[in-house]
Amino acid sequence: MTEELIIAGFGGQGVLLTGKLLCVAAMRQGKQVSHIPSYGAEMRGGTANCSVVISDEEIASPVIEKPSIVIALNGPS
């Protein structure tokens, strides 16, 4: 089973932390994970995105084209 997640929001909303926590939890269950954070130069209020792939098998590519889950923390996301 493979889950592909995109988490998006403004900086300061916990987007990157959520992605990291999901990865740590999945690794503790013995899953393969990929985590790609993306954020702007602003300290708070800028865009923040995170791509997470969790799989039972080895992950060939961390690029997500059709996510199975999207967590959007604000309207623009």
Protein backbone atom coordinates (compact mmCIF):
# COMPACT_ATOMS: atom_id res chain seq x y z
CA MET A 1 0.00 0.00 0.00
CA THR A 2 1.27 3.46 -0.89
CA GLU A 3 -0.13 6.74 0.40
CA GLU A 4 0.87 10.01 -1.24
CA LEU A 5 0.10 13.14 0.76
CA ILE A 6 0.40 16.83 0.07
CA ILE A 7 0.12 19.19 3.02
CA ALA A 8 -0.22 22.89 2.21
CA GLY A 9 -0.74 26.10 4.13
CA PHE A 10 0.91 29.26 5.38
CA GLY A 11 4.16 29.27 7.31
CA GLY A 12 3.56 28.90 11.04
CA GLN A 13 0.55 26.58 10.67
CA GLY A 14 2.57 23.43 11.29
CA VAL A 15 2.70 22.17 7.71
CA LEU A 16 6.32 21.02 7.88
CA LEU A 17 5.96 19.64 11.40
CA THR A 18 2.91 17.61 10.36
CA GLY A 19 4.83 16.10 7.46
CA LYS A 20 7.78 15.25 9.66
CA LEU A 21 5.57 13.68 12.35
CA LEU A 22 3.79 11.53 9.75
CA CYS A 23 7.16 10.31 8.48
CA VAL A 24 8.47 9.49 11.95
CA ALA A 25 5.28 7.60 12.84
CA ALA A 26 5.42 5.62 9.58
CA MET A 27 9.12 4.79 10.04
CA ARG A 28 8.40 3.48 13.53
CA GLN A 29 5.89 1.11 11.93
CA GLY A 30 8.56 -0.14 9.53
CA LYS A 31 7.30 1.74 6.46
CA GLN A 32 9.38 3.38 3.74
CA VAL A 33 8.99 7.18 3.66
CA SER A 34 9.87 10.17 1.53
CA HIS A 35 9.56 13.75 2.78
CA ILE A 36 10.03 16.86 0.64
CA PRO A 37 9.43 20.18 2.42
CA SER A 38 9.01 23.39 0.42
CA TYR A 39 8.68 26.86 1.88
CA GLY A 40 9.26 30.51 1.07
CA ALA A 41 11.83 32.86 2.54
CA GLU A 42 9.36 34.47 4.96
CA MET A 43 9.51 33.55 8.64
CA ARG A 44 5.72 33.36 8.98
CA GLY A 45 2.83 33.83 6.60
CA GLY A 46 4.60 32.66 3.43
CA THR A 47 3.64 29.52 1.58
CA ALA A 48 4.58 26.16 3.03
CA ASN A 49 4.08 22.80 1.33
CA CYS A 50 5.16 19.30 2.15
CA SER A 51 5.03 16.13 0.07
CA VAL A 52 5.04 12.83 1.94
CA VAL A 53 5.04 9.32 0.49
CA ILE A 54 4.48 6.35 2.81
CA SER A 55 4.81 2.86 1.41
CA ASP A 56 5.27 -0.78 2.35
CA GLU A 57 7.72 -1.11 -0.55
CA GLU A 58 10.75 0.87 -1.64
CA ILE A 59 9.83 4.29 -3.04
CA ALA A 60 11.11 4.71 -6.59
CA SER A 61 10.27 8.41 -6.94
CA PRO A 62 9.24 10.96 -4.31
CA VAL A 63 7.41 13.09 -6.89
CA ILE A 64 3.64 13.15 -6.35
CA GLU A 65 1.40 13.60 -9.40
CA LYS A 66 -1.95 12.40 -8.01
CA PRO A 67 -2.02 12.54 -4.21
CA SER A 68 -4.26 10.14 -2.34
CA ILE A 69 -4.61 12.67 0.50
CA VAL A 70 -4.51 16.48 0.46
CA ILE A 71 -4.46 18.50 3.66
CA ALA A 72 -5.07 22.18 2.86
CA LEU A 73 -4.86 24.44 5.90
CA ASN A 74 -6.05 27.60 4.16
CA GLY A 75 -8.08 28.74 1.16
CA PRO A 76 -5.24 29.66 -1.23
CA SER A 77 -3.65 26.25 -0.79
